[in-house]
Protein backbone atom coordinates (compact mmCIF):
# COMPACT_ATOMS: atom_id res chain seq x y z
CA UNK A 1 36.90 43.24 -36.56
CA UNK A 2 36.67 44.10 -32.79
CA UNK A 3 38.81 42.62 -30.33
CA UNK A 4 38.27 42.56 -26.79
CA UNK A 5 41.92 43.10 -24.54
CA UNK A 6 41.03 40.86 -21.37
CA UNK A 7 44.28 40.24 -19.23
CA UNK A 8 44.43 37.31 -16.97
CA UNK A 9 43.68 38.70 -13.79
CA UNK A 10 40.56 40.57 -14.96
CA UNK A 11 37.13 38.76 -14.30
CA UNK A 12 34.49 38.82 -17.11
CA UNK A 13 31.80 40.64 -16.87
CA UNK A 14 28.53 39.25 -15.67
CA UNK A 15 25.00 40.37 -17.26
CA UNK A 16 22.95 42.56 -14.84
CA UNK A 17 20.26 40.71 -13.34
CA UNK A 18 17.10 41.32 -10.55
CA UNK A 19 17.68 40.03 -7.14
CA UNK A 20 14.53 37.97 -7.79
CA UNK A 21 16.47 36.48 -10.87
CA UNK A 22 19.53 35.51 -9.30
CA UNK A 23 17.70 33.56 -6.24
CA UNK A 24 17.01 30.08 -7.60
CA UNK A 25 13.06 29.27 -7.12
CA UNK A 26 13.58 26.69 -4.45
CA UNK A 27 15.47 29.63 -2.76
CA UNK A 28 12.70 32.00 -2.81
CA UNK A 29 11.27 33.14 0.50
CA UNK A 30 7.37 33.72 0.41
CA UNK A 31 5.48 36.04 2.54
CA UNK A 32 1.95 37.20 2.70
CA UNK A 33 0.65 40.61 3.83
CA UNK A 34 -2.88 41.43 5.52
CA UNK A 35 -3.57 45.37 5.56
CA UNK A 36 -4.56 47.75 7.90
CA UNK A 37 -8.19 47.48 6.23
CA UNK A 38 -8.49 43.84 7.12
CA UNK A 39 -9.93 42.28 9.84
CA UNK A 40 -9.86 38.84 10.72
CA UNK A 41 -12.16 36.93 13.18
CA UNK A 42 -11.32 33.31 14.43
CA UNK A 43 -7.86 31.50 13.71
CA UNK A 44 -5.31 32.71 11.17
CA UNK A 45 -2.49 29.94 9.91
CA UNK A 46 0.13 30.67 7.07
CA UNK A 47 3.36 28.10 6.17
CA UNK A 48 4.90 31.23 4.91
CA UNK A 49 6.16 34.62 6.64
CA UNK A 50 3.12 37.37 7.01
CA UNK A 51 2.87 40.88 7.95
CA UNK A 52 -0.45 42.05 9.61
CA UNK A 53 -1.25 45.83 9.46
CA UNK A 54 -5.30 44.98 10.46
CA UNK A 55 -7.06 43.44 13.30
CA UNK A 56 -7.03 39.81 13.72
CA UNK A 57 -9.51 38.64 16.64
CA UNK A 58 -8.76 34.68 17.50
CA UNK A 59 -4.92 32.97 16.97
CA UNK A 60 -2.36 33.38 14.74
CA UNK A 61 -0.26 30.41 13.78
CA UNK A 62 3.09 30.63 11.96
CA UNK A 63 5.23 27.51 13.18
CA UNK A 64 8.04 27.99 10.91
CA UNK A 65 8.05 31.10 9.89
CA UNK A 66 8.29 34.93 10.71
CA UNK A 67 5.28 36.88 11.86
CA UNK A 68 5.85 41.10 11.64
CA UNK A 69 2.87 42.52 13.46
CA UNK A 70 2.92 45.97 11.68
CA UNK A 71 2.46 49.54 13.54
CA UNK A 72 -1.25 50.02 12.71
CA UNK A 73 -2.15 46.12 13.63
CA UNK A 74 -4.40 45.48 16.67
CA UNK A 75 -4.21 42.11 17.57
CA UNK A 76 -6.04 40.26 20.16
CA UNK A 77 -4.84 36.68 19.73
CA UNK A 78 -2.26 33.80 20.75
CA UNK A 79 0.61 33.89 18.39
CA UNK A 80 2.85 30.68 17.79
CA UNK A 81 5.92 31.60 15.23
CA UNK A 82 9.18 30.83 14.67
CA UNK A 83 10.10 34.60 15.15
CA UNK A 84 7.54 37.73 16.05
CA UNK A 85 8.59 40.92 15.40
CA UNK A 86 6.11 43.73 16.86
CA UNK A 87 5.70 47.53 15.90
CA UNK A 88 2.07 47.60 16.66
CA UNK A 89 -0.37 46.46 19.63
CA UNK A 90 -0.44 42.70 20.74
CA UNK A 91 -2.89 41.15 23.65
CA UNK A 92 -2.41 37.64 24.03
CA UNK A 93 0.27 35.02 24.64
CA UNK A 94 3.39 34.82 22.24
CA UNK A 95 4.92 31.71 21.66
CA UNK A 96 8.33 32.02 19.37
CA UNK A 97 10.14 29.43 18.72
CA UNK A 98 13.47 31.46 18.03
CA UNK A 99 12.72 35.21 18.78
CA UNK A 100 10.45 37.91 19.81
CA UNK A 101 11.60 41.41 18.91
CA UNK A 102 9.53 44.38 20.43
CA UNK A 103 10.19 47.60 18.63
CA UNK A 104 9.75 51.34 20.32
CA UNK A 105 6.36 51.60 18.86
CA UNK A 106 5.25 47.92 19.73
CA UNK A 107 3.02 46.96 22.67
CA UNK A 108 2.40 43.58 24.20
CA UNK A 109 -0.01 42.70 27.02
CA UNK A 110 0.16 38.96 27.77
CA UNK A 111 3.18 36.67 28.37
CA UNK A 112 5.72 35.95 26.22
CA UNK A 113 7.30 32.40 25.72
CA UNK A 114 10.67 32.31 23.71
CA UNK A 115 14.62 31.62 24.15
CA UNK A 116 15.39 35.36 23.16
CA UNK A 117 13.72 38.87 23.61
CA UNK A 118 14.79 41.86 22.48
CA UNK A 119 13.19 45.15 23.50
CA UNK A 120 13.79 48.55 22.19
CA UNK A 121 13.66 51.93 23.91
CA UNK A 122 9.91 52.96 24.44
CA UNK A 123 8.28 49.20 23.74
CA UNK A 124 5.89 48.24 26.62
CA UNK A 125 5.38 44.95 27.93
CA UNK A 126 2.73 44.04 30.97
CA UNK A 127 2.85 40.33 31.25
CA UNK A 128 5.34 37.73 31.69
CA UNK A 129 8.59 36.35 29.98
CA UNK A 130 9.37 32.34 30.37
CA UNK A 131 12.58 31.10 29.07
CA UNK A 132 11.59 28.64 26.30
CA UNK A 133 14.57 26.80 26.94
CA UNK A 134 14.36 26.37 30.83
CA UNK A 135 10.62 26.97 31.15
CA UNK A 136 12.09 29.79 34.01
CA UNK A 137 10.46 33.28 34.05
CA UNK A 138 12.75 36.06 33.19
């Protein structure tokens, strides 16, 4: 009864799907979030990306993942991660296998060991930066 005229140069319409549904289960990237009211004392480890908005006193280890230090975060810890993005405050040594980014609201008091450092205008750093690739101080 109804016919559809599709010329040879038109692509058939695909049904709309959400981004999450479009990404296969093996391609999803999990992440964890610690709110600003949480206080951690001791060693925090994770095998997924993490955002911390609370306080940590100890160490944070996300070897193959990304750590985001939220705007309200106050971290007194040595940090090891693939990528570290800082919007809040960190006191301690940061070791990032790929990159450390200190945003305009971020502050670091301690050494940073990474092959790539990005600092926004207004960001604050008191410490040394060591190039992870060469071991030299920058």
